[in-house]
Amino acid sequence: MTVAVQSINPEGIAVANGLCNLSDPEAIDEIDRINYAEGVVDTNKIIASSDLCFCYVNIDSTTDIDFKIMSETPALQMTFAISTSFLYNFEGTDLKVFNFNMNQHNLIYYPWLSCTNSWVPGQGQEMVDIILSAAFFEKYLPARKAFRAFTQHLEKGKMALLSPHNMPITPEMLNIIREIIHNNRKGVFKKMLVEAKVIELLMLQLEQFEEISGNPPLCSHLRKSEVERMQEVRNIILNNLSNPCSLIDLAHQVGTNEYNLKRAFKEVFGTTVFSYLNQAKMEKAKSLLISEELNVTQVADIMGYNDATNFTAAFKKHFGITPGKIKLTSF
């Protein structure tokens, strides 16, 4: 794979250039850098192997940004707009213009690529692109009815989206992305971990698409201010997992009412506030059990449970395994 990304307005923001072109199957390349341009601070992490390129971008900007993206080889692009909105303007294809809003993801196939990626001003705008070689992706694409149209586009070498409507990023997806960004392994072990996590993330994308395939898409008519308000709600939830706010308190903190909060949150995140909170709590608990030297009682206390028994029951209901067993299997 050969991918080049360069800003054209303002000039000087280089994101990925040539890193997705490693020939050694055991090699991995990693870069952490900060780019500065007029009105823009762009922090990005790139992890690349012979089959994939993981690119994390966090942008603070007081100005519009236009990136030029080019590739001469077929690839699949997993895109996650974590806390930002942006637009793709594709050249020479039937797809033309396609936009992502906050907390949306999709999968794009292109035989070649020439497009402009446009961003509006904002602080802490996070997104992730994971570029996969066609050979790597095809090993994991299920031969199932839901994916037939997408598979046909791949076989004909025609640009395609997995889903005609973007799908919501779940707490599980976000947790996997954070694990990729923050892991400290080196060399071949980092390559193994990144590839395993990308496969897991791809599985969640494909699984979610199959689940919603044929169902009407979520409404997408919220104003930008409402979407931003729901992003604030999500941040409050994630920052208070052990002592969550009530729906009324959440609504008051972001300047809305309980009815509008429930409606808009489900529209943006594809699930209820309570379900999102529960998923986020369980994902955080799993991460603490696996990555920290904490026992089940300590994790239960951190997550706000009065006793470990209630925590164990909730954990098993969510994951189908007790926290004690997941702790053992992580060693």
C-alpha atoms as a PDB file:
ATOM      1  CA  MET A   1       0.000   0.000   0.000  1.00  0.00           C
ATOM      2  CA  THR A   2       1.146   3.524  -0.727  1.00  0.00           C
ATOM      3  CA  VAL A   3      -0.816   6.383   0.865  1.00  0.00           C
ATOM      4  CA  ALA A   4      -0.003  10.077   0.990  1.00  0.00           C
ATOM      5  CA  VAL A   5      -1.815  12.688   3.087  1.00  0.00           C
ATOM      6  CA  GLN A   6      -0.868  16.361   2.987  1.00  0.00           C
ATOM      7  CA  SER A   7      -2.723  19.531   3.935  1.00  0.00           C
ATOM      8  CA  ILE A   8      -3.413  22.006   1.148  1.00  0.00           C
ATOM      9  CA  ASN A   9      -5.123  24.598   3.336  1.00  0.00           C
ATOM     10  CA  PRO A  10      -3.282  25.616   5.439  1.00  0.00           C
ATOM     11  CA  GLU A  11      -0.071  24.138   4.117  1.00  0.00           C
ATOM     12  CA  GLY A  12       2.420  22.099   6.100  1.00  0.00           C
ATOM     13  CA  ILE A  13       0.425  19.375   7.928  1.00  0.00           C
ATOM     14  CA  ALA A  14       1.879  16.003   6.922  1.00  0.00           C
ATOM     15  CA  VAL A  15      -0.031  13.020   8.283  1.00  0.00           C
ATOM     16  CA  ALA A  16       0.907   9.782   6.464  1.00  0.00           C
ATOM     17  CA  ASN A  17       3.373   9.612   3.611  1.00  0.00           C
ATOM     18  CA  GLY A  18       4.795   6.290   2.487  1.00  0.00           C
ATOM     19  CA  LEU A  19       4.557   4.579   5.876  1.00  0.00           C
ATOM     20  CA  CYS A  20       2.047   2.050   4.558  1.00  0.00           C
ATOM     21  CA  ASN A  21       4.604   0.631   2.143  1.00  0.00           C
ATOM     22  CA  LEU A  22       6.731  -1.702   4.289  1.00  0.00           C
ATOM     23  CA  SER A  23       7.843  -4.883   2.506  1.00  0.00           C
ATOM     24  CA  ASP A  24       9.224  -6.864   5.488  1.00  0.00           C
ATOM     25  CA  PRO A  25       6.293  -8.926   6.868  1.00  0.00           C
ATOM     26  CA  GLU A  26       7.750  -8.727  10.409  1.00  0.00           C
ATOM     27  CA  ALA A  27       8.567  -5.012  10.343  1.00  0.00           C
ATOM     28  CA  ILE A  28       6.580  -2.309  12.086  1.00  0.00           C
ATOM     29  CA  ASP A  29       7.069   1.428  11.947  1.00  0.00           C
ATOM     30  CA  GLU A  30       5.765   3.902  14.511  1.00  0.00           C
ATOM     31  CA  ILE A  31       5.819   7.695  14.565  1.00  0.00           C
ATOM     32  CA  ASP A  32       4.485  10.162  17.119  1.00  0.00           C
ATOM     33  CA  ARG A  33       4.627  13.777  15.993  1.00  0.00           C
ATOM     34  CA  ILE A  34       3.058  17.188  16.264  1.00  0.00           C
ATOM     35  CA  ASN A  35       2.586  19.348  13.169  1.00  0.00           C
ATOM     36  CA  TYR A  36       2.042  23.091  13.356  1.00  0.00           C
ATOM     37  CA  ALA A  37       0.475  25.267  10.718  1.00  0.00           C
ATOM     38  CA  GLU A  38      -1.306  28.603  10.781  1.00  0.00           C
ATOM     39  CA  GLY A  39      -4.088  28.216  13.346  1.00  0.00           C
ATOM     40  CA  VAL A  40      -3.568  24.442  13.617  1.00  0.00           C
ATOM     41  CA  VAL A  41      -1.893  22.057  16.084  1.00  0.00           C
ATOM     42  CA  ASP A  42      -2.058  18.503  14.712  1.00  0.00           C
ATOM     43  CA  THR A  43      -0.979  15.615  16.969  1.00  0.00           C
ATOM     44  CA  ASN A  44      -0.829  12.247  15.291  1.00  0.00           C
ATOM     45  CA  LYS A  45       0.362   8.688  15.860  1.00  0.00           C
ATOM     46  CA  ILE A  46       1.046   6.320  12.984  1.00  0.00           C
ATOM     47  CA  ILE A  47       1.660   2.578  13.369  1.00  0.00           C
ATOM     48  CA  ALA A  48       2.332   0.734  10.127  1.00  0.00           C
ATOM     49  CA  SER A  49       3.119  -2.820   9.063  1.00  0.00           C
ATOM     50  CA  SER A  50       3.157  -4.519   5.676  1.00  0.00           C
ATOM     51  CA  ASP A  51      -0.625  -5.112   5.796  1.00  0.00           C
ATOM     52  CA  LEU A  52      -2.058  -2.121   7.645  1.00  0.00           C
ATOM     53  CA  CYS A  53      -1.537   1.464   8.691  1.00  0.00           C
ATOM     54  CA  PHE A  54      -3.158   2.799  11.886  1.00  0.00           C
ATOM     55  CA  CYS A  55      -3.354   6.594  11.924  1.00  0.00           C
ATOM     56  CA  TYR A  56      -4.648   8.556  14.934  1.00  0.00           C
ATOM     57  CA  VAL A  57      -5.207  12.300  14.540  1.00  0.00           C
ATOM     58  CA  ASN A  58      -6.029  14.885  17.216  1.00  0.00           C
ATOM     59  CA  ILE A  59      -6.457  18.415  15.877  1.00  0.00           C
ATOM     60  CA  ASP A  60      -6.880  21.805  17.549  1.00  0.00           C
ATOM     61  CA  SER A  61      -7.801  24.313  14.881  1.00  0.00           C
ATOM     62  CA  THR A  62      -9.083  27.865  14.602  1.00  0.00           C
ATOM     63  CA  THR A  63      -9.381  27.581  10.836  1.00  0.00           C
ATOM     64  CA  ASP A  64     -10.822  25.284   8.178  1.00  0.00           C
ATOM     65  CA  ILE A  65      -8.493  22.501   7.013  1.00  0.00           C
ATOM     66  CA  ASP A  66      -8.369  20.701   3.674  1.00  0.00           C
ATOM     67  CA  PHE A  67      -6.249  17.556   3.354  1.00  0.00           C
ATOM     68  CA  LYS A  68      -5.351  15.946   0.029  1.00  0.00           C
ATOM     69  CA  ILE A  69      -5.338  12.126   0.187  1.00  0.00           C
ATOM     70  CA  MET A  70      -3.930   9.982  -2.632  1.00  0.00           C
ATOM     71  CA  SER A  71      -3.321   6.277  -3.140  1.00  0.00           C
ATOM     72  CA  GLU A  72      -2.477   4.314  -6.276  1.00  0.00           C
ATOM     73  CA  THR A  73      -3.181   0.860  -4.830  1.00  0.00           C
ATOM     74  CA  PRO A  74      -6.401  -0.904  -3.712  1.00  0.00           C
ATOM     75  CA  ALA A  75      -7.095  -0.625   0.009  1.00  0.00           C
ATOM     76  CA  LEU A  76      -9.787  -0.727   2.651  1.00  0.00           C
ATOM     77  CA  GLN A  77     -10.135   2.211   5.017  1.00  0.00           C
ATOM     78  CA  MET A  78     -11.763   1.852   8.445  1.00  0.00           C
ATOM     79  CA  THR A  79     -12.732   5.382   9.505  1.00  0.00           C
ATOM     80  CA  PHE A  80     -13.737   6.402  13.049  1.00  0.00           C
ATOM     81  CA  ALA A  81     -14.803  10.018  13.663  1.00  0.00           C
ATOM     82  CA  ILE A  82     -14.435   9.944  17.456  1.00  0.00           C
ATOM     83  CA  SER A  83     -15.016  13.573  18.383  1.00  0.00           C
ATOM     84  CA  THR A  84     -15.109  15.478  15.127  1.00  0.00           C
ATOM     85  CA  SER A  85     -17.009  15.909  11.872  1.00  0.00           C
ATOM     86  CA  PHE A  86     -15.435  16.015   8.417  1.00  0.00           C
ATOM     87  CA  LEU A  87     -16.270  15.607   4.757  1.00  0.00           C
ATOM     88  CA  TYR A  88     -14.721  13.573   1.934  1.00  0.00           C
ATOM     89  CA  ASN A  89     -14.918  14.882  -1.628  1.00  0.00           C
ATOM     90  CA  PHE A  90     -13.932  11.973  -3.886  1.00  0.00           C
ATOM     91  CA  GLU A  91     -12.633  12.543  -7.399  1.00  0.00           C
ATOM     92  CA  GLY A  92     -13.473  10.339 -10.375  1.00  0.00           C
ATOM     93  CA  THR A  93     -16.030   8.122  -8.584  1.00  0.00           C
ATOM     94  CA  ASP A  94     -19.794   7.811  -8.273  1.00  0.00           C
ATOM     95  CA  LEU A  95     -19.553   8.385  -4.515  1.00  0.00           C
ATOM     96  CA  LYS A  96     -18.640  12.085  -4.863  1.00  0.00           C
ATOM     97  CA  VAL A  97     -19.243  13.637  -1.392  1.00  0.00           C
ATOM     98  CA  PHE A  98     -19.567  11.733   1.890  1.00  0.00           C
ATOM     99  CA  ASN A  99     -19.485  13.159   5.405  1.00  0.00           C
ATOM    100  CA  PHE A 100     -18.800  11.778   8.886  1.00  0.00           C
ATOM    101  CA  ASN A 101     -20.275  13.247  12.063  1.00  0.00           C
ATOM    102  CA  MET A 102     -19.023  12.774  15.604  1.00  0.00           C
ATOM    103  CA  ASN A 103     -19.091   9.176  16.919  1.00  0.00           C
ATOM    104  CA  GLN A 104     -19.605   7.616  13.494  1.00  0.00           C
ATOM    105  CA  HIS A 105     -17.651   4.942  11.659  1.00  0.00           C
ATOM    106  CA  ASN A 106     -17.704   3.170   8.307  1.00  0.00           C
ATOM    107  CA  LEU A 107     -15.547   1.098   5.993  1.00  0.00           C
ATOM    108  CA  ILE A 108     -14.531   2.322   2.545  1.00  0.00           C
ATOM    109  CA  TYR A 109     -13.024   0.302  -0.305  1.00  0.00           C
ATOM    110  CA  TYR A 110     -11.143   2.050  -3.081  1.00  0.00           C
ATOM    111  CA  PRO A 111      -9.160   0.620  -6.030  1.00  0.00           C
ATOM    112  CA  TRP A 112      -7.316   3.957  -6.119  1.00  0.00           C
ATOM    113  CA  LEU A 113      -7.949   7.207  -4.293  1.00  0.00           C
ATOM    114  CA  SER A 114      -7.820  10.924  -4.887  1.00  0.00           C
ATOM    115  CA  CYS A 115      -9.934  13.013  -2.544  1.00  0.00           C
ATOM    116  CA  THR A 116     -10.100  16.089  -0.339  1.00  0.00           C
ATOM    117  CA  ASN A 117     -10.791  15.668   3.373  1.00  0.00           C
ATOM    118  CA  SER A 118     -12.250  18.888   4.845  1.00  0.00           C
ATOM    119  CA  TRP A 119     -12.468  19.835   8.554  1.00  0.00           C
ATOM    120  CA  VAL A 120     -14.067  22.792  10.310  1.00  0.00           C
ATOM    121  CA  PRO A 121     -12.464  24.660  13.257  1.00  0.00           C
ATOM    122  CA  GLY A 122     -12.578  22.969  16.658  1.00  0.00           C
ATOM    123  CA  GLN A 123     -10.584  21.768  19.675  1.00  0.00           C
ATOM    124  CA  GLY A 124      -9.696  18.158  20.496  1.00  0.00           C
ATOM    125  CA  GLN A 125     -10.971  16.761  17.202  1.00  0.00           C
ATOM    126  CA  GLU A 126     -10.087  13.047  17.255  1.00  0.00           C
ATOM    127  CA  MET A 127     -10.333  10.569  14.417  1.00  0.00           C
ATOM    128  CA  VAL A 128      -8.752   7.264  13.415  1.00  0.00           C
ATOM    129  CA  ASP A 129      -8.155   5.835   9.940  1.00  0.00           C
ATOM    130  CA  ILE A 130      -6.978   2.243   9.614  1.00  0.00           C
ATOM    131  CA  ILE A 131      -5.872   1.358   6.101  1.00  0.00           C
ATOM    132  CA  LEU A 132      -5.824  -2.353   5.239  1.00  0.00           C
ATOM    133  CA  SER A 133      -4.413  -4.135   2.224  1.00  0.00           C
ATOM    134  CA  ALA A 134      -7.092  -5.867   0.157  1.00  0.00           C
ATOM    135  CA  ALA A 135      -5.440  -9.258   0.752  1.00  0.00           C
ATOM    136  CA  PHE A 136      -5.488  -8.746   4.540  1.00  0.00           C
ATOM    137  CA  PHE A 137      -9.132  -7.663   4.547  1.00  0.00           C
ATOM    138  CA  GLU A 138     -10.429 -10.410   2.262  1.00  0.00           C
ATOM    139  CA  LYS A 139      -9.277 -13.066   4.764  1.00  0.00           C
ATOM    140  CA  TYR A 140     -11.873 -11.781   7.220  1.00  0.00           C
ATOM    141  CA  LEU A 141     -14.815 -10.716   5.046  1.00  0.00           C
ATOM    142  CA  PRO A 142     -17.628 -13.207   5.781  1.00  0.00           C
ATOM    143  CA  ALA A 143     -19.332 -14.928   2.847  1.00  0.00           C
ATOM    144  CA  ARG A 144     -22.766 -13.871   4.071  1.00  0.00           C
ATOM    145  CA  LYS A 145     -25.766 -12.252   2.433  1.00  0.00           C
ATOM    146  CA  ALA A 146     -25.347  -8.906   4.244  1.00  0.00           C
ATOM    147  CA  PHE A 147     -21.908  -8.385   2.648  1.00  0.00           C
ATOM    148  CA  ARG A 148     -22.773  -9.548  -0.871  1.00  0.00           C
ATOM    149  CA  ALA A 149     -23.099  -6.085  -2.432  1.00  0.00           C
ATOM    150  CA  PHE A 150     -19.835  -4.910  -0.841  1.00  0.00           C
ATOM    151  CA  THR A 151     -18.049  -8.070  -2.005  1.00  0.00           C
ATOM    152  CA  GLN A 152     -19.289  -7.539  -5.575  1.00  0.00           C
ATOM    153  CA  HIS A 153     -17.839  -4.024  -5.610  1.00  0.00           C
ATOM    154  CA  LEU A 154     -14.485  -5.402  -4.459  1.00  0.00           C
ATOM    155  CA  GLU A 155     -14.519  -8.038  -7.201  1.00  0.00           C
ATOM    156  CA  LYS A 156     -15.305  -5.386  -9.844  1.00  0.00           C
ATOM    157  CA  GLY A 157     -12.729  -2.949  -8.472  1.00  0.00           C
ATOM    158  CA  LYS A 158     -15.381  -0.286  -7.782  1.00  0.00           C
ATOM    159  CA  MET A 159     -15.277   2.138  -4.867  1.00  0.00           C
ATOM    160  CA  ALA A 160     -17.814   1.265  -2.166  1.00  0.00           C
ATOM    161  CA  LEU A 161     -18.985   1.918   1.393  1.00  0.00           C
ATOM    162  CA  LEU A 162     -19.762  -1.006   3.677  1.00  0.00           C
ATOM    163  CA  SER A 163     -22.842   0.844   4.934  1.00  0.00           C
ATOM    164  CA  PRO A 164     -24.700   3.588   3.024  1.00  0.00           C
ATOM    165  CA  HIS A 165     -25.253   5.254   6.399  1.00  0.00           C
ATOM    166  CA  ASN A 166     -22.510   5.666   8.994  1.00  0.00           C
ATOM    167  CA  MET A 167     -22.783   3.553  12.131  1.00  0.00           C
ATOM    168  CA  PRO A 168     -22.305   4.603  15.791  1.00  0.00           C
ATOM    169  CA  ILE A 169     -18.994   3.970  17.555  1.00  0.00           C
ATOM    170  CA  THR A 170     -19.585   1.786  20.616  1.00  0.00           C
ATOM    171  CA  PRO A 171     -17.664   1.954  23.923  1.00  0.00           C
ATOM    172  CA  GLU A 172     -16.095  -1.410  23.039  1.00  0.00           C
ATOM    173  CA  MET A 173     -14.761   0.001  19.767  1.00  0.00           C
ATOM    174  CA  LEU A 174     -13.443   3.099  21.518  1.00  0.00           C
ATOM    175  CA  ASN A 175     -11.725   0.978  24.165  1.00  0.00           C
ATOM    176  CA  ILE A 176      -9.927  -1.071  21.492  1.00  0.00           C
ATOM    177  CA  ILE A 177      -8.773   2.102  19.742  1.00  0.00           C
ATOM    178  CA  ARG A 178      -7.375   3.431  23.053  1.00  0.00           C
ATOM    179  CA  GLU A 179      -5.595   0.108  23.646  1.00  0.00           C
ATOM    180  CA  ILE A 180      -3.872   0.401  20.265  1.00  0.00           C
ATOM    181  CA  ILE A 181      -2.864   4.011  20.881  1.00  0.00           C
ATOM    182  CA  HIS A 182      -1.498   3.501  24.392  1.00  0.00           C
ATOM    183  CA  ASN A 183       0.167   0.064  24.218  1.00  0.00           C
ATOM    184  CA  ASN A 184       3.892   0.013  24.988  1.00  0.00           C
ATOM    185  CA  ARG A 185       5.001  -3.183  23.285  1.00  0.00           C
ATOM    186  CA  LYS A 186       7.878  -3.125  20.830  1.00  0.00           C
ATOM    187  CA  GLY A 187       8.829  -4.746  17.552  1.00  0.00           C
ATOM    188  CA  VAL A 188       7.123  -7.961  16.497  1.00  0.00           C
ATOM    189  CA  PHE A 189       5.020  -8.050  19.696  1.00  0.00           C
ATOM    190  CA  LYS A 190       3.571  -4.615  18.949  1.00  0.00           C
ATOM    191  CA  LYS A 191       2.830  -5.818  15.419  1.00  0.00           C
ATOM    192  CA  MET A 192       1.006  -8.866  16.796  1.00  0.00           C
ATOM    193  CA  LEU A 193      -1.030  -6.786  19.250  1.00  0.00           C
ATOM    194  CA  VAL A 194      -1.965  -4.085  16.738  1.00  0.00           C
ATOM    195  CA  GLU A 195      -3.032  -6.607  14.114  1.00  0.00           C
ATOM    196  CA  ALA A 196      -5.070  -8.579  16.671  1.00  0.00           C
ATOM    197  CA  LYS A 197      -6.833  -5.426  17.872  1.00  0.00           C
ATOM    198  CA  VAL A 198      -7.507  -4.248  14.315  1.00  0.00           C
ATOM    199  CA  ILE A 199      -9.045  -7.640  13.483  1.00  0.00           C
ATOM    200  CA  GLU A 200     -11.202  -7.340  16.618  1.00  0.00           C
ATOM    201  CA  LEU A 201     -12.254  -3.838  15.587  1.00  0.00           C
ATOM    202  CA  LEU A 202     -13.038  -5.031  12.060  1.00  0.00           C
ATOM    203  CA  MET A 203     -15.113  -7.865  13.507  1.00  0.00           C
ATOM    204  CA  LEU A 204     -17.168  -5.345  15.503  1.00  0.00           C
ATOM    205  CA  GLN A 205     -17.694  -3.196  12.403  1.00  0.00           C
ATOM    206  CA  LEU A 206     -18.850  -6.123  10.290  1.00  0.00           C
ATOM    207  CA  GLU A 207     -20.982  -7.562  13.093  1.00  0.00           C
ATOM    208  CA  GLN A 208     -22.708  -4.244  13.731  1.00  0.00           C
ATOM    209  CA  PHE A 209     -23.383  -3.755  10.030  1.00  0.00           C
ATOM    210  CA  GLU A 210     -24.951  -7.209   9.724  1.00  0.00           C
ATOM    211  CA  GLU A 211     -27.145  -6.515  12.767  1.00  0.00           C
ATOM    212  CA  ILE A 212     -28.519  -3.253  11.372  1.00  0.00           C
ATOM    213  CA  SER A 213     -28.540  -4.307   7.711  1.00  0.00           C
ATOM    214  CA  GLY A 214     -32.012  -3.829   6.231  1.00  0.00           C
ATOM    215  CA  ASN A 215     -33.214  -1.668   9.113  1.00  0.00           C
ATOM    216  CA  PRO A 216     -33.988   2.035   8.632  1.00  0.00           C
ATOM    217  CA  PRO A 217     -30.951   4.187   9.492  1.00  0.00           C
ATOM    218  CA  LEU A 218     -30.917   6.431  12.512  1.00  0.00           C
ATOM    219  CA  CYS A 219     -32.170   9.945  11.862  1.00  0.00           C
ATOM    220  CA  SER A 220     -29.346  12.365  11.120  1.00  0.00           C
ATOM    221  CA  HIS A 221     -31.101  15.705  11.311  1.00  0.00           C
ATOM    222  CA  LEU A 222     -29.661  16.975  14.593  1.00  0.00           C
ATOM    223  CA  ARG A 223     -28.140  20.434  14.552  1.00  0.00           C
ATOM    224  CA  LYS A 224     -24.389  20.665  15.045  1.00  0.00           C
ATOM    225  CA  SER A 225     -24.954  22.264  18.460  1.00  0.00           C
ATOM    226  CA  GLU A 226     -27.061  19.258  19.533  1.00  0.00           C
ATOM    227  CA  VAL A 227     -24.387  16.809  18.399  1.00  0.00           C
ATOM    228  CA  GLU A 228     -21.756  18.785  20.315  1.00  0.00           C
ATOM    229  CA  ARG A 229     -24.019  18.751  23.372  1.00  0.00           C
ATOM    230  CA  MET A 230     -24.239  14.968  23.180  1.00  0.00           C
ATOM    231  CA  GLN A 231     -20.449  14.794  22.919  1.00  0.00           C
ATOM    232  CA  GLU A 232     -20.332  16.753  26.171  1.00  0.00           C
ATOM    233  CA  VAL A 233     -22.782  14.273  27.711  1.00  0.00           C
ATOM    234  CA  ARG A 234     -20.568  11.379  26.649  1.00  0.00           C
ATOM    235  CA  ASN A 235     -17.530  13.054  28.202  1.00  0.00           C
ATOM    236  CA  ILE A 236     -19.408  13.560  31.481  1.00  0.00           C
ATOM    237  CA  ILE A 237     -20.431   9.891  31.474  1.00  0.00           C
ATOM    238  CA  LEU A 238     -16.887   8.653  30.791  1.00  0.00           C
ATOM    239  CA  ASN A 239     -15.412  10.935  33.457  1.00  0.00           C
ATOM    240  CA  ASN A 240     -17.893   9.781  36.121  1.00  0.00           C
ATOM    241  CA  LEU A 241     -18.209   6.044  35.584  1.00  0.00           C
ATOM    242  CA  SER A 242     -17.924   5.201  39.285  1.00  0.00           C
ATOM    243  CA  ASN A 243     -20.458   7.848  40.342  1.00  0.00           C
ATOM    244  CA  PRO A 244     -22.768   8.435  37.371  1.00  0.00           C
ATOM    245  CA  CYS A 245     -25.101  11.401  37.102  1.00  0.00           C
ATOM    246  CA  SER A 246     -28.855  10.992  36.811  1.00  0.00           C
ATOM    247  CA  LEU A 247     -30.536  11.766  33.505  1.00  0.00           C
ATOM    248  CA  ILE A 248     -31.947  14.966  34.970  1.00  0.00           C
ATOM    249  CA  ASP A 249     -28.500  16.090  36.180  1.00  0.00           C
ATOM    250  CA  LEU A 250     -26.938  15.255  32.808  1.00  0.00           C
ATOM    251  CA  ALA A 251     -29.609  17.234  30.999  1.00  0.00           C
ATOM    252  CA  HIS A 252     -29.172  20.251  33.275  1.00  0.00           C
ATOM    253  CA  GLN A 253     -25.377  20.199  32.919  1.00  0.00           C
ATOM    254  CA  VAL A 254     -25.580  20.511  29.135  1.00  0.00           C
ATOM    255  CA  GLY A 255     -28.559  22.846  28.988  1.00  0.00           C
ATOM    256  CA  THR A 256     -31.345  20.590  27.753  1.00  0.00           C
ATOM    257  CA  ASN A 257     -34.210  18.550  29.192  1.00  0.00           C
ATOM    258  CA  GLU A 258     -34.472  14.823  29.897  1.00  0.00           C
ATOM    259  CA  TYR A 259     -36.663  14.044  26.881  1.00  0.00           C
ATOM    260  CA  ASN A 260     -34.345  15.787  24.379  1.00  0.00           C
ATOM    261  CA  LEU A 261     -31.298  14.219  26.033  1.00  0.00           C
ATOM    262  CA  LYS A 262     -32.633  10.675  25.621  1.00  0.00           C
ATOM    263  CA  ARG A 263     -33.757  11.313  22.039  1.00  0.00           C
ATOM    264  CA  ALA A 264     -30.588  13.030  20.816  1.00  0.00           C
ATOM    265  CA  PHE A 265     -28.188  10.703  22.663  1.00  0.00           C
ATOM    266  CA  LYS A 266     -29.701   7.612  21.073  1.00  0.00           C
ATOM    267  CA  GLU A 267     -29.593   9.303  17.672  1.00  0.00           C
ATOM    268  CA  VAL A 268     -25.878  10.098  17.985  1.00  0.00           C
ATOM    269  CA  PHE A 269     -24.652   6.969  19.793  1.00  0.00           C
ATOM    270  CA  GLY A 270     -27.163   4.365  18.635  1.00  0.00           C
ATOM    271  CA  THR A 271     -28.090   3.324  22.182  1.00  0.00           C
ATOM    272  CA  THR A 272     -29.616   4.693  25.392  1.00  0.00           C
ATOM    273  CA  VAL A 273     -27.701   6.675  27.986  1.00  0.00           C
ATOM    274  CA  PHE A 274     -28.010   3.812  30.479  1.00  0.00           C
ATOM    275  CA  SER A 275     -26.815   1.195  27.986  1.00  0.00           C
ATOM    276  CA  TYR A 276     -23.853   3.362  26.955  1.00  0.00           C
ATOM    277  CA  LEU A 277     -22.934   3.929  30.612  1.00  0.00           C
ATOM    278  CA  ASN A 278     -23.109   0.204  31.358  1.00  0.00           C
ATOM    279  CA  GLN A 279     -21.001  -0.707  28.308  1.00  0.00           C
ATOM    280  CA  ALA A 280     -18.408   1.931  29.203  1.00  0.00           C
ATOM    281  CA  LYS A 281     -18.251   0.750  32.847  1.00  0.00           C
ATOM    282  CA  MET A 282     -17.737  -2.867  31.842  1.00  0.00           C
ATOM    283  CA  GLU A 283     -15.085  -1.998  29.251  1.00  0.00           C
ATOM    284  CA  LYS A 284     -13.228   0.117  31.823  1.00  0.00           C
ATOM    285  CA  ALA A 285     -13.462  -2.656  34.403  1.00  0.00           C
ATOM    286  CA  LYS A 286     -12.130  -5.217  31.905  1.00  0.00           C
ATOM    287  CA  SER A 287      -9.243  -2.907  31.036  1.00  0.00           C
ATOM    288  CA  LEU A 288      -8.363  -2.448  34.733  1.00  0.00           C
ATOM    289  CA  LEU A 289      -8.474  -6.194  35.365  1.00  0.00           C
ATOM    290  CA  ILE A 290      -6.230  -6.982  32.421  1.00  0.00           C
ATOM    291  CA  SER A 291      -3.729  -4.131  32.467  1.00  0.00           C
ATOM    292  CA  GLU A 292      -3.459  -3.163  36.154  1.00  0.00           C
ATOM    293  CA  GLU A 293      -2.257  -5.115  39.215  1.00  0.00           C
ATOM    294  CA  LEU A 294      -5.677  -4.916  40.851  1.00  0.00           C
ATOM    295  CA  ASN A 295      -7.870  -7.680  42.219  1.00  0.00           C
ATOM    296  CA  VAL A 296     -11.606  -8.033  41.616  1.00  0.00           C
ATOM    297  CA  THR A 297     -12.562  -6.328  44.887  1.00  0.00           C
ATOM    298  CA  GLN A 298     -10.365  -3.320  44.107  1.00  0.00           C
ATOM    299  CA  VAL A 299     -11.798  -2.957  40.597  1.00  0.00           C
ATOM    300  CA  ALA A 300     -15.341  -3.275  41.959  1.00  0.00           C
ATOM    301  CA  ASP A 301     -14.608  -0.458  44.405  1.00  0.00           C
ATOM    302  CA  ILE A 302     -13.084   1.762  41.710  1.00  0.00           C
ATOM    303  CA  MET A 303     -16.144   1.232  39.504  1.00  0.00           C
ATOM    304  CA  GLY A 304     -18.494   2.289  42.313  1.00  0.00           C
ATOM    305  CA  TYR A 305     -19.930  -1.069  43.399  1.00  0.00           C
ATOM    306  CA  ASN A 306     -20.718  -1.566  47.092  1.00  0.00           C
ATOM    307  CA  ASP A 307     -19.497  -5.149  47.030  1.00  0.00           C
ATOM    308  CA  ALA A 308     -17.641  -7.461  44.672  1.00  0.00           C
ATOM    309  CA  THR A 309     -20.612  -9.852  44.374  1.00  0.00           C
ATOM    310  CA  ASN A 310     -22.796  -7.276  42.602  1.00  0.00           C
ATOM    311  CA  PHE A 311     -19.887  -6.309  40.374  1.00  0.00           C
ATOM    312  CA  THR A 312     -19.178  -9.949  39.478  1.00  0.00           C
ATOM    313  CA  ALA A 313     -22.840 -10.530  38.571  1.00  0.00           C
ATOM    314  CA  ALA A 314     -22.945  -7.417  36.350  1.00  0.00           C
ATOM    315  CA  PHE A 315     -19.623  -8.308  34.710  1.00  0.00           C
ATOM    316  CA  LYS A 316     -20.698 -11.891  33.962  1.00  0.00           C
ATOM    317  CA  LYS A 317     -24.025 -10.703  32.559  1.00  0.00           C
ATOM    318  CA  HIS A 318     -22.199  -8.374  30.154  1.00  0.00           C
ATOM    319  CA  PHE A 319     -19.240 -10.552  29.082  1.00  0.00           C
ATOM    320  CA  GLY A 320     -20.444 -14.091  29.874  1.00  0.00           C
ATOM    321  CA  ILE A 321     -17.393 -14.687  32.071  1.00  0.00           C
ATOM    322  CA  THR A 322     -16.570 -13.727  35.655  1.00  0.00           C
ATOM    323  CA  PRO A 323     -13.995 -10.991  36.324  1.00  0.00           C
ATOM    324  CA  GLY A 324     -11.876 -13.521  38.218  1.00  0.00           C
ATOM    325  CA  LYS A 325     -11.603 -15.758  35.151  1.00  0.00           C
ATOM    326  CA  ILE A 326     -10.807 -12.891  32.790  1.00  0.00           C
ATOM    327  CA  LYS A 327      -8.113 -11.825  35.257  1.00  0.00           C
ATOM    328  CA  LEU A 328      -6.570 -15.323  35.135  1.00  0.00           C
ATOM    329  CA  THR A 329      -6.717 -15.631  31.340  1.00  0.00           C
ATOM    330  CA  SER A 330      -4.862 -12.305  30.901  1.00  0.00           C
ATOM    331  CA  PHE A 331      -1.636 -13.759  32.280  1.00  0.00           C
END
